[in-house]
């Protein structure tokens, strides 16, 4: 039928979010942080005007990630803390080395 408006569904008009007195879980670290490192690396490789700012943002995100990691390992008891430290600690060290290498690449020219 021409000239008719499509009906709105409940999926197009979500209801307002309910508030709760319970604390909300922390937002995930990974999805928001990793793109900043990738962007900083790409901008550094391309030697763009924004590269220095992107590297600074990557360093800030690394500091936040390390802080969250330290908090998680401190709050986790026994085997859980050891497992978190073992699995995530290595990845954080890799990321630290990558950020350092990115800074060195920027200084080469």
PDB file of N, CA and C in Angstrom:
ATOM      1  N   UNK A   1       0.833  -1.169   0.000  1.00  0.00           N
ATOM      2  CA  UNK A   1       0.000   0.000   0.000  1.00  0.00           C
ATOM      3  C   UNK A   1       0.885   1.243   0.000  1.00  0.00           C
ATOM      4  N   UNK A   2       0.708   2.043  -1.002  1.00  0.00           N
ATOM      5  CA  UNK A   2       1.490   3.259  -1.106  1.00  0.00           C
ATOM      6  C   UNK A   2       0.943   4.332  -0.190  1.00  0.00           C
ATOM      7  N   UNK A   3       1.871   5.132   0.336  1.00  0.00           N
ATOM      8  CA  UNK A   3       1.464   6.259   1.150  1.00  0.00           C
ATOM      9  C   UNK A   3       1.165   5.924   2.600  1.00  0.00           C
ATOM     10  N   UNK A   4       1.368   4.688   3.014  1.00  0.00           N
ATOM     11  CA  UNK A   4       1.108   4.353   4.411  1.00  0.00           C
ATOM     12  C   UNK A   4       2.415   4.372   5.182  1.00  0.00           C
ATOM     13  N   UNK A   5       2.340   4.731   6.399  1.00  0.00           N
ATOM     14  CA  UNK A   5       3.505   4.760   7.281  1.00  0.00           C
ATOM     15  C   UNK A   5       3.750   3.369   7.845  1.00  0.00           C
ATOM     16  N   UNK A   6       5.013   2.926   7.882  1.00  0.00           N
ATOM     17  CA  UNK A   6       5.269   1.631   8.506  1.00  0.00           C
ATOM     18  C   UNK A   6       5.005   1.720  10.005  1.00  0.00           C
ATOM     19  N   UNK A   7       4.530   0.638  10.547  1.00  0.00           N
ATOM     20  CA  UNK A   7       4.273   0.603  11.989  1.00  0.00           C
ATOM     21  C   UNK A   7       5.591   0.493  12.736  1.00  0.00           C
ATOM     22  N   UNK A   8       5.662   1.209  13.824  1.00  0.00           N
ATOM     23  CA  UNK A   8       6.845   1.133  14.672  1.00  0.00           C
ATOM     24  C   UNK A   8       6.719  -0.079  15.570  1.00  0.00           C
ATOM     25  N   UNK A   9       7.828  -0.753  15.742  1.00  0.00           N
ATOM     26  CA  UNK A   9       7.826  -1.929  16.602  1.00  0.00           C
ATOM     27  C   UNK A   9       8.531  -1.608  17.904  1.00  0.00           C
ATOM     28  N   UNK A  10       8.397  -2.507  18.821  1.00  0.00           N
ATOM     29  CA  UNK A  10       9.059  -2.291  20.111  1.00  0.00           C
ATOM     30  C   UNK A  10      10.575  -2.305  19.975  1.00  0.00           C
ATOM     31  N   UNK A  11      11.092  -2.894  18.888  1.00  0.00           N
ATOM     32  CA  UNK A  11      12.530  -2.928  18.685  1.00  0.00           C
ATOM     33  C   UNK A  11      13.066  -1.572  18.222  1.00  0.00           C
ATOM     34  N   UNK A  12      12.244  -0.809  17.545  1.00  0.00           N
ATOM     35  CA  UNK A  12      12.668   0.506  17.104  1.00  0.00           C
ATOM     36  C   UNK A  12      12.521   1.553  18.197  1.00  0.00           C
ATOM     37  N   UNK A  13      11.662   1.312  19.143  1.00  0.00           N
ATOM     38  CA  UNK A  13      11.434   2.241  20.242  1.00  0.00           C
ATOM     39  C   UNK A  13      11.680   1.533  21.566  1.00  0.00           C
ATOM     40  N   UNK A  14      12.956   1.362  21.941  1.00  0.00           N
ATOM     41  CA  UNK A  14      13.214   0.647  23.185  1.00  0.00           C
ATOM     42  C   UNK A  14      12.670   1.410  24.382  1.00  0.00           C
ATOM     43  N   UNK A  15      12.258   0.670  25.366  1.00  0.00           N
ATOM     44  CA  UNK A  15      11.753   1.304  26.581  1.00  0.00           C
ATOM     45  C   UNK A  15      12.914   1.926  27.337  1.00  0.00           C
ATOM     46  N   UNK A  16      12.648   2.921  28.161  1.00  0.00           N
ATOM     47  CA  UNK A  16      13.733   3.539  28.913  1.00  0.00           C
ATOM     48  C   UNK A  16      14.410   2.514  29.817  1.00  0.00           C
ATOM     49  N   UNK A  17      15.700   2.722  30.009  1.00  0.00           N
ATOM     50  CA  UNK A  17      16.458   1.791  30.837  1.00  0.00           C
ATOM     51  C   UNK A  17      16.010   1.900  32.287  1.00  0.00           C
ATOM     52  N   UNK A  18      15.907   0.762  32.899  1.00  0.00           N
ATOM     53  CA  UNK A  18      15.523   0.728  34.306  1.00  0.00           C
ATOM     54  C   UNK A  18      16.766   0.947  35.149  1.00  0.00           C
ATOM     55  N   UNK A  19      16.600   1.684  36.215  1.00  0.00           N
ATOM     56  CA  UNK A  19      17.712   1.887  37.125  1.00  0.00           C
ATOM     57  C   UNK A  19      17.585   0.896  38.264  1.00  0.00           C
ATOM     58  N   UNK A  20      18.713   0.550  38.799  1.00  0.00           N
ATOM     59  CA  UNK A  20      18.750  -0.434  39.865  1.00  0.00           C
ATOM     60  C   UNK A  20      19.653   0.070  40.973  1.00  0.00           C
ATOM     61  N   UNK A  21      19.382  -0.374  42.166  1.00  0.00           N
ATOM     62  CA  UNK A  21      20.248  -0.009  43.270  1.00  0.00           C
ATOM     63  C   UNK A  21      21.489  -0.898  43.314  1.00  0.00           C
ATOM     64  N   UNK A  22      21.494  -1.955  42.506  1.00  0.00           N
ATOM     65  CA  UNK A  22      22.657  -2.846  42.450  1.00  0.00           C
ATOM     66  C   UNK A  22      23.741  -2.213  41.592  1.00  0.00           C
ATOM     67  N   UNK A  23      25.000  -2.376  41.981  1.00  0.00           N
ATOM     68  CA  UNK A  23      26.073  -1.806  41.172  1.00  0.00           C
ATOM     69  C   UNK A  23      26.120  -2.482  39.808  1.00  0.00           C
ATOM     70  N   UNK A  24      26.375  -1.696  38.799  1.00  0.00           N
ATOM     71  CA  UNK A  24      26.471  -2.220  37.448  1.00  0.00           C
ATOM     72  C   UNK A  24      27.880  -2.757  37.223  1.00  0.00           C
ATOM     73  N   UNK A  25      28.008  -3.814  36.411  1.00  0.00           N
ATOM     74  CA  UNK A  25      29.350  -4.335  36.150  1.00  0.00           C
ATOM     75  C   UNK A  25      30.173  -3.322  35.369  1.00  0.00           C
ATOM     76  N   UNK A  26      31.476  -3.404  35.538  1.00  0.00           N
ATOM     77  CA  UNK A  26      32.364  -2.511  34.803  1.00  0.00           C
ATOM     78  C   UNK A  26      32.265  -2.801  33.319  1.00  0.00           C
ATOM     79  N   UNK A  27      32.435  -1.779  32.500  1.00  0.00           N
ATOM     80  CA  UNK A  27      32.411  -2.031  31.063  1.00  0.00           C
ATOM     81  C   UNK A  27      33.612  -2.884  30.673  1.00  0.00           C
ATOM     82  N   UNK A  28      33.485  -3.671  29.629  1.00  0.00           N
ATOM     83  CA  UNK A  28      34.602  -4.517  29.233  1.00  0.00           C
ATOM     84  C   UNK A  28      35.792  -3.681  28.809  1.00  0.00           C
ATOM     85  N   UNK A  29      36.960  -4.176  29.090  1.00  0.00           N
ATOM     86  CA  UNK A  29      38.177  -3.447  28.755  1.00  0.00           C
ATOM     87  C   UNK A  29      38.533  -3.645  27.288  1.00  0.00           C
ATOM     88  N   UNK A  30      38.522  -4.850  26.856  1.00  0.00           N
ATOM     89  CA  UNK A  30      39.040  -5.188  25.536  1.00  0.00           C
ATOM     90  C   UNK A  30      38.412  -4.446  24.367  1.00  0.00           C
ATOM     91  N   UNK A  31      37.099  -4.438  24.187  1.00  0.00           N
ATOM     92  CA  UNK A  31      36.546  -3.837  22.971  1.00  0.00           C
ATOM     93  C   UNK A  31      36.864  -2.359  22.789  1.00  0.00           C
ATOM     94  N   UNK A  32      36.989  -1.619  23.861  1.00  0.00           N
ATOM     95  CA  UNK A  32      37.238  -0.184  23.733  1.00  0.00           C
ATOM     96  C   UNK A  32      38.716   0.153  23.638  1.00  0.00           C
ATOM     97  N   UNK A  33      39.537  -0.674  24.163  1.00  0.00           N
ATOM     98  CA  UNK A  33      40.954  -0.340  24.258  1.00  0.00           C
ATOM     99  C   UNK A  33      41.744  -0.735  23.020  1.00  0.00           C
ATOM    100  N   UNK A  34      41.530  -1.905  22.515  1.00  0.00           N
ATOM    101  CA  UNK A  34      42.347  -2.416  21.434  1.00  0.00           C
ATOM    102  C   UNK A  34      42.309  -1.519  20.198  1.00  0.00           C
ATOM    103  N   UNK A  35      41.150  -1.019  19.748  1.00  0.00           N
ATOM    104  CA  UNK A  35      41.180  -0.140  18.578  1.00  0.00           C
ATOM    105  C   UNK A  35      42.071   1.086  18.754  1.00  0.00           C
ATOM    106  N   UNK A  36      42.182   1.604  19.954  1.00  0.00           N
ATOM    107  CA  UNK A  36      43.044   2.770  20.164  1.00  0.00           C
ATOM    108  C   UNK A  36      44.505   2.421  19.905  1.00  0.00           C
ATOM    109  N   UNK A  37      44.916   1.217  20.276  1.00  0.00           N
ATOM    110  CA  UNK A  37      46.285   0.790  20.020  1.00  0.00           C
ATOM    111  C   UNK A  37      46.512   0.590  18.524  1.00  0.00           C
ATOM    112  N   UNK A  38      45.532  -0.004  17.862  1.00  0.00           N
ATOM    113  CA  UNK A  38      45.640  -0.213  16.414  1.00  0.00           C
ATOM    114  C   UNK A  38      45.686   1.109  15.668  1.00  0.00           C
ATOM    115  N   UNK A  39      44.838   2.036  16.065  1.00  0.00           N
ATOM    116  CA  UNK A  39      44.818   3.350  15.422  1.00  0.00           C
ATOM    117  C   UNK A  39      46.157   4.057  15.632  1.00  0.00           C
ATOM    118  N   UNK A  40      46.654   4.025  16.859  1.00  0.00           N
ATOM    119  CA  UNK A  40      47.928   4.676  17.151  1.00  0.00           C
ATOM    120  C   UNK A  40      49.055   4.068  16.324  1.00  0.00           C
ATOM    121  N   UNK A  41      49.062   2.758  16.195  1.00  0.00           N
ATOM    122  CA  UNK A  41      50.098   2.092  15.406  1.00  0.00           C
ATOM    123  C   UNK A  41      49.991   2.467  13.926  1.00  0.00           C
ATOM    124  N   UNK A  42      48.773   2.442  13.395  1.00  0.00           N
ATOM    125  CA  UNK A  42      48.570   2.812  11.992  1.00  0.00           C
ATOM    126  C   UNK A  42      48.982   4.256  11.730  1.00  0.00           C
ATOM    127  N   UNK A  43      48.580   5.156  12.618  1.00  0.00           N
ATOM    128  CA  UNK A  43      48.903   6.572  12.439  1.00  0.00           C
ATOM    129  C   UNK A  43      50.406   6.805  12.551  1.00  0.00           C
ATOM    130  N   UNK A  44      51.066   6.052  13.436  1.00  0.00           N
ATOM    131  CA  UNK A  44      52.516   6.163  13.572  1.00  0.00           C
ATOM    132  C   UNK A  44      53.205   5.685  12.301  1.00  0.00           C
ATOM    133  N   UNK A  45      52.750   4.552  11.772  1.00  0.00           N
ATOM    134  CA  UNK A  45      53.343   4.025  10.543  1.00  0.00           C
ATOM    135  C   UNK A  45      53.150   4.976   9.368  1.00  0.00           C
ATOM    136  N   UNK A  46      51.993   5.626   9.311  1.00  0.00           N
ATOM    137  CA  UNK A  46      51.693   6.562   8.216  1.00  0.00           C
ATOM    138  C   UNK A  46      52.304   7.941   8.457  1.00  0.00           C
ATOM    139  N   UNK A  47      52.827   8.153   9.675  1.00  0.00           N
ATOM    140  CA  UNK A  47      53.427   9.430  10.065  1.00  0.00           C
ATOM    141  C   UNK A  47      52.452  10.601   9.889  1.00  0.00           C
ATOM    142  N   UNK A  48      51.241  10.407  10.354  1.00  0.00           N
ATOM    143  CA  UNK A  48      50.226  11.449  10.223  1.00  0.00           C
ATOM    144  C   UNK A  48      50.385  12.515  11.304  1.00  0.00           C
ATOM    145  N   UNK A  49      49.671  13.590  11.131  1.00  0.00           N
ATOM    146  CA  UNK A  49      49.674  14.692  12.089  1.00  0.00           C
ATOM    147  C   UNK A  49      49.140  14.230  13.449  1.00  0.00           C
ATOM    148  N   UNK A  50      48.240  13.278  13.429  1.00  0.00           N
ATOM    149  CA  UNK A  50      47.581  12.830  14.657  1.00  0.00           C
ATOM    150  C   UNK A  50      48.344  11.731  15.392  1.00  0.00           C
ATOM    151  N   UNK A  51      49.446  11.269  14.845  1.00  0.00           N
ATOM    152  CA  UNK A  51      50.155  10.122  15.406  1.00  0.00           C
ATOM    153  C   UNK A  51      50.567  10.340  16.863  1.00  0.00           C
ATOM    154  N   UNK A  52      51.116  11.493  17.184  1.00  0.00           N
ATOM    155  CA  UNK A  52      51.582  11.748  18.556  1.00  0.00           C
ATOM    156  C   UNK A  52      50.415  11.711  19.544  1.00  0.00           C
ATOM    157  N   UNK A  53      49.292  12.313  19.172  1.00  0.00           N
ATOM    158  CA  UNK A  53      48.119  12.301  20.053  1.00  0.00           C
ATOM    159  C   UNK A  53      47.580  10.881  20.213  1.00  0.00           C
ATOM    160  N   UNK A  54      47.590  10.121  19.128  1.00  0.00           N
ATOM    161  CA  UNK A  54      47.106   8.741  19.197  1.00  0.00           C
ATOM    162  C   UNK A  54      48.023   7.877  20.057  1.00  0.00           C
ATOM    163  N   UNK A  55      49.331   8.108  19.985  1.00  0.00           N
ATOM    164  CA  UNK A  55      50.261   7.368  20.858  1.00  0.00           C
ATOM    165  C   UNK A  55      50.023   7.741  22.321  1.00  0.00           C
ATOM    166  N   UNK A  56      49.772   9.010  22.584  1.00  0.00           N
ATOM    167  CA  UNK A  56      49.482   9.442  23.956  1.00  0.00           C
ATOM    168  C   UNK A  56      48.206   8.772  24.460  1.00  0.00           C
ATOM    169  N   UNK A  57      47.184   8.687  23.615  1.00  0.00           N
ATOM    170  CA  UNK A  57      45.933   8.020  23.996  1.00  0.00           C
ATOM    171  C   UNK A  57      46.179   6.531  24.252  1.00  0.00           C
ATOM    172  N   UNK A  58      47.031   5.914  23.445  1.00  0.00           N
ATOM    173  CA  UNK A  58      47.356   4.497  23.639  1.00  0.00           C
ATOM    174  C   UNK A  58      48.077   4.299  24.971  1.00  0.00           C
ATOM    175  N   UNK A  59      48.978   5.204  25.311  1.00  0.00           N
ATOM    176  CA  UNK A  59      49.673   5.117  26.599  1.00  0.00           C
ATOM    177  C   UNK A  59      48.702   5.272  27.762  1.00  0.00           C
ATOM    178  N   UNK A  60      47.738   6.175  27.639  1.00  0.00           N
ATOM    179  CA  UNK A  60      46.726   6.350  28.685  1.00  0.00           C
ATOM    180  C   UNK A  60      45.893   5.084  28.847  1.00  0.00           C
ATOM    181  N   UNK A  61      45.495   4.490  27.731  1.00  0.00           N
ATOM    182  CA  UNK A  61      44.700   3.262  27.788  1.00  0.00           C
ATOM    183  C   UNK A  61      45.503   2.115  28.375  1.00  0.00           C
ATOM    184  N   UNK A  62      46.787   2.060  28.062  1.00  0.00           N
ATOM    185  CA  UNK A  62      47.643   1.025  28.642  1.00  0.00           C
ATOM    186  C   UNK A  62      47.713   1.191  30.154  1.00  0.00           C
ATOM    187  N   UNK A  63      47.843   2.418  30.625  1.00  0.00           N
ATOM    188  CA  UNK A  63      47.876   2.672  32.072  1.00  0.00           C
ATOM    189  C   UNK A  63      46.572   2.232  32.734  1.00  0.00           C
ATOM    190  N   UNK A  64      45.426   2.519  32.084  1.00  0.00           N
ATOM    191  CA  UNK A  64      44.127   2.095  32.617  1.00  0.00           C
ATOM    192  C   UNK A  64      44.020   0.572  32.647  1.00  0.00           C
ATOM    193  N   UNK A  65      44.502  -0.053  31.600  1.00  0.00           N
ATOM    194  CA  UNK A  65      44.460  -1.512  31.515  1.00  0.00           C
ATOM    195  C   UNK A  65      45.317  -2.147  32.605  1.00  0.00           C
ATOM    196  N   UNK A  66      46.509  -1.600  32.805  1.00  0.00           N
ATOM    197  CA  UNK A  66      47.395  -2.123  33.847  1.00  0.00           C
ATOM    198  C   UNK A  66      46.772  -1.941  35.231  1.00  0.00           C
ATOM    199  N   UNK A  67      46.123  -0.812  35.442  1.00  0.00           N
ATOM    200  CA  UNK A  67      45.459  -0.552  36.721  1.00  0.00           C
ATOM    201  C   UNK A  67      44.326  -1.560  36.953  1.00  0.00           C
ATOM    202  N   UNK A  68      43.535  -1.809  35.927  1.00  0.00           N
ATOM    203  CA  UNK A  68      42.437  -2.780  36.042  1.00  0.00           C
ATOM    204  C   UNK A  68      42.984  -4.184  36.279  1.00  0.00           C
ATOM    205  N   UNK A  69      44.076  -4.512  35.627  1.00  0.00           N
ATOM    206  CA  UNK A  69      44.707  -5.820  35.803  1.00  0.00           C
ATOM    207  C   UNK A  69      45.209  -5.988  37.235  1.00  0.00           C
ATOM    208  N   UNK A  70      45.887  -4.974  37.739  1.00  0.00           N
ATOM    209  CA  UNK A  70      46.400  -5.040  39.111  1.00  0.00           C
ATOM    210  C   UNK A  70      45.265  -5.176  40.118  1.00  0.00           C
ATOM    211  N   UNK A  71      44.185  -4.449  39.873  1.00  0.00           N
ATOM    212  CA  UNK A  71      43.013  -4.523  40.762  1.00  0.00           C
ATOM    213  C   UNK A  71      42.398  -5.926  40.704  1.00  0.00           C
ATOM    214  N   UNK A  72      42.268  -6.466  39.504  1.00  0.00           N
ATOM    215  CA  UNK A  72      41.667  -7.800  39.341  1.00  0.00           C
ATOM    216  C   UNK A  72      42.516  -8.878  40.004  1.00  0.00           C
ATOM    217  N   UNK A  73      43.822  -8.787  39.866  1.00  0.00           N
ATOM    218  CA  UNK A  73      44.671  -9.806  40.486  1.00  0.00           C
ATOM    219  C   UNK A  73      44.694  -9.658  42.002  1.00  0.00           C
ATOM    220  N   UNK A  74      44.606  -8.420  42.499  1.00  0.00           N
ATOM    221  CA  UNK A  74      44.596  -8.200  43.940  1.00  0.00           C
ATOM    222  C   UNK A  74      43.292  -8.684  44.569  1.00  0.00           C
ATOM    223  N   UNK A  75      42.180  -8.529  43.838  1.00  0.00           N
ATOM    224  CA  UNK A  75      40.873  -8.906  44.374  1.00  0.00           C
ATOM    225  C   UNK A  75      40.559 -10.393  44.196  1.00  0.00           C
ATOM    226  N   UNK A  76      41.290 -11.051  43.327  1.00  0.00           N
ATOM    227  CA  UNK A  76      41.044 -12.472  43.071  1.00  0.00           C
ATOM    228  C   UNK A  76      41.857 -13.307  44.046  1.00  0.00           C
ATOM    229  N   UNK A  77      41.195 -14.272  44.644  1.00  0.00           N
ATOM    230  CA  UNK A  77      41.850 -15.083  45.656  1.00  0.00           C
ATOM    231  C   UNK A  77      42.451 -16.351  45.050  1.00  0.00           C
ATOM    232  N   UNK A  78      43.551 -16.775  45.620  1.00  0.00           N
ATOM    233  CA  UNK A  78      44.137 -18.073  45.324  1.00  0.00           C
ATOM    234  C   UNK A  78      44.392 -18.365  43.866  1.00  0.00           C
ATOM    235  N   UNK A  79      43.876 -19.505  43.442  1.00  0.00           N
ATOM    236  CA  UNK A  79      44.113 -19.992  42.090  1.00  0.00           C
ATOM    237  C   UNK A  79      43.555 -19.060  41.014  1.00  0.00           C
ATOM    238  N   UNK A  80      42.439 -18.418  41.304  1.00  0.00           N
ATOM    239  CA  UNK A  80      41.842 -17.513  40.314  1.00  0.00           C
ATOM    240  C   UNK A  80      42.797 -16.351  40.043  1.00  0.00           C
ATOM    241  N   UNK A  81      43.348 -15.769  41.077  1.00  0.00           N
ATOM    242  CA  UNK A  81      44.295 -14.672  40.910  1.00  0.00           C
ATOM    243  C   UNK A  81      45.530 -15.096  40.148  1.00  0.00           C
ATOM    244  N   UNK A  82      46.012 -16.290  40.448  1.00  0.00           N
ATOM    245  CA  UNK A  82      47.190 -16.806  39.744  1.00  0.00           C
ATOM    246  C   UNK A  82      46.880 -17.035  38.268  1.00  0.00           C
ATOM    247  N   UNK A  83      45.694 -17.560  37.990  1.00  0.00           N
ATOM    248  CA  UNK A  83      45.305 -17.829  36.606  1.00  0.00           C
ATOM    249  C   UNK A  83      45.138 -16.530  35.822  1.00  0.00           C
ATOM    250  N   UNK A  84      44.515 -15.534  36.439  1.00  0.00           N
ATOM    251  CA  UNK A  84      44.369 -14.228  35.789  1.00  0.00           C
ATOM    252  C   UNK A  84      45.743 -13.648  35.511  1.00  0.00           C
ATOM    253  N   UNK A  85      46.609 -13.708  36.498  1.00  0.00           N
ATOM    254  CA  UNK A  85      47.950 -13.180  36.340  1.00  0.00           C
ATOM    255  C   UNK A  85      48.708 -13.902  35.233  1.00  0.00           C
ATOM    256  N   UNK A  86      48.577 -15.207  35.189  1.00  0.00           N
ATOM    257  CA  UNK A  86      49.292 -15.998  34.190  1.00  0.00           C
ATOM    258  C   UNK A  86      48.781 -15.711  32.781  1.00  0.00           C
ATOM    259  N   UNK A  87      47.473 -15.712  32.624  1.00  0.00           N
ATOM    260  CA  UNK A  87      46.896 -15.540  31.287  1.00  0.00           C
ATOM    261  C   UNK A  87      46.969 -14.110  30.772  1.00  0.00           C
ATOM    262  N   UNK A  88      46.641 -13.169  31.626  1.00  0.00           N
ATOM    263  CA  UNK A  88      46.537 -11.780  31.185  1.00  0.00           C
ATOM    264  C   UNK A  88      47.864 -11.045  31.321  1.00  0.00           C
ATOM    265  N   UNK A  89      48.644 -11.416  32.306  1.00  0.00           N
ATOM    266  CA  UNK A  89      49.921 -10.731  32.539  1.00  0.00           C
ATOM    267  C   UNK A  89      50.830 -10.746  31.322  1.00  0.00           C
ATOM    268  N   UNK A  90      50.921 -11.888  30.668  1.00  0.00           N
ATOM    269  CA  UNK A  90      51.758 -11.997  29.472  1.00  0.00           C
ATOM    270  C   UNK A  90      51.267 -11.101  28.349  1.00  0.00           C
ATOM    271  N   UNK A  91      49.964 -11.034  28.198  1.00  0.00           N
ATOM    272  CA  UNK A  91      49.385 -10.177  27.150  1.00  0.00           C
ATOM    273  C   UNK A  91      49.662  -8.703  27.422  1.00  0.00           C
ATOM    274  N   UNK A  92      49.593  -8.330  28.683  1.00  0.00           N
ATOM    275  CA  UNK A  92      49.858  -6.934  29.029  1.00  0.00           C
ATOM    276  C   UNK A  92      51.323  -6.601  28.783  1.00  0.00           C
ATOM    277  N   UNK A  93      52.224  -7.523  29.110  1.00  0.00           N
ATOM    278  CA  UNK A  93      53.644  -7.288  28.824  1.00  0.00           C
ATOM    279  C   UNK A  93      53.883  -7.161  27.321  1.00  0.00           C
ATOM    280  N   UNK A  94      53.210  -7.976  26.521  1.00  0.00           N
ATOM    281  CA  UNK A  94      53.316  -7.863  25.063  1.00  0.00           C
ATOM    282  C   UNK A  94      52.848  -6.495  24.592  1.00  0.00           C
ATOM    283  N   UNK A  95      51.741  -6.045  25.149  1.00  0.00           N
ATOM    284  CA  UNK A  95      51.192  -4.743  24.775  1.00  0.00           C
ATOM    285  C   UNK A  95      52.137  -3.613  25.187  1.00  0.00           C
ATOM    286  N   UNK A  96      52.746  -3.738  26.363  1.00  0.00           N
ATOM    287  CA  UNK A  96      53.722  -2.739  26.807  1.00  0.00           C
ATOM    288  C   UNK A  96      54.883  -2.654  25.823  1.00  0.00           C
ATOM    289  N   UNK A  97      55.391  -3.820  25.422  1.00  0.00           N
ATOM    290  CA  UNK A  97      56.509  -3.838  24.464  1.00  0.00           C
ATOM    291  C   UNK A  97      56.089  -3.239  23.120  1.00  0.00           C
ATOM    292  N   UNK A  98      54.870  -3.515  22.693  1.00  0.00           N
ATOM    293  CA  UNK A  98      54.383  -2.973  21.425  1.00  0.00           C
ATOM    294  C   UNK A  98      54.260  -1.451  21.483  1.00  0.00           C
ATOM    295  N   UNK A  99      53.783  -0.932  22.604  1.00  0.00           N
ATOM    296  CA  UNK A  99      53.661   0.522  22.755  1.00  0.00           C
ATOM    297  C   UNK A  99      55.048   1.160  22.779  1.00  0.00           C
ATOM    298  N   UNK A 100      56.001   0.515  23.449  1.00  0.00           N
ATOM    299  CA  UNK A 100      57.374   1.022  23.464  1.00  0.00           C
ATOM    300  C   UNK A 100      57.965   1.028  22.054  1.00  0.00           C
ATOM    301  N   UNK A 101      57.747  -0.075  21.320  1.00  0.00           N
ATOM    302  CA  UNK A 101      58.261  -0.174  19.952  1.00  0.00           C
ATOM    303  C   UNK A 101      57.626   0.885  19.050  1.00  0.00           C
ATOM    304  N   UNK A 102      56.356   1.154  19.272  1.00  0.00           N
ATOM    305  CA  UNK A 102      55.673   2.184  18.487  1.00  0.00           C
ATOM    306  C   UNK A 102      56.314   3.551  18.732  1.00  0.00           C
ATOM    307  N   UNK A 103      56.655   3.829  19.971  1.00  0.00           N
ATOM    308  CA  UNK A 103      57.340   5.083  20.289  1.00  0.00           C
ATOM    309  C   UNK A 103      58.704   5.160  19.640  1.00  0.00           C
ATOM    310  N   UNK A 104      59.402   4.027  19.605  1.00  0.00           N
ATOM    311  CA  UNK A 104      60.717   3.992  18.966  1.00  0.00           C
ATOM    312  C   UNK A 104      60.603   4.209  17.461  1.00  0.00           C
ATOM    313  N   UNK A 105      59.560   3.611  16.838  1.00  0.00           N
ATOM    314  CA  UNK A 105      59.333   3.800  15.396  1.00  0.00           C
ATOM    315  C   UNK A 105      59.093   5.271  15.094  1.00  0.00           C
ATOM    316  N   UNK A 106      58.388   5.940  15.978  1.00  0.00           N
ATOM    317  CA  UNK A 106      58.084   7.354  15.776  1.00  0.00           C
ATOM    318  C   UNK A 106      59.356   8.201  15.847  1.00  0.00           C
ATOM    319  N   UNK A 107      60.318   7.784  16.653  1.00  0.00           N
ATOM    320  CA  UNK A 107      61.542   8.550  16.827  1.00  0.00           C
ATOM    321  C   UNK A 107      62.560   8.310  15.711  1.00  0.00           C
ATOM    322  N   UNK A 108      62.352   7.276  14.897  1.00  0.00           N
ATOM    323  CA  UNK A 108      63.324   6.918  13.868  1.00  0.00           C
ATOM    324  C   UNK A 108      63.486   7.984  12.797  1.00  0.00           C
ATOM    325  N   UNK A 109      62.439   8.694  12.491  1.00  0.00           N
ATOM    326  CA  UNK A 109      62.539   9.687  11.408  1.00  0.00           C
ATOM    327  C   UNK A 109      62.781  11.072  11.896  1.00  0.00           C
TER     328      UNK A 109
END
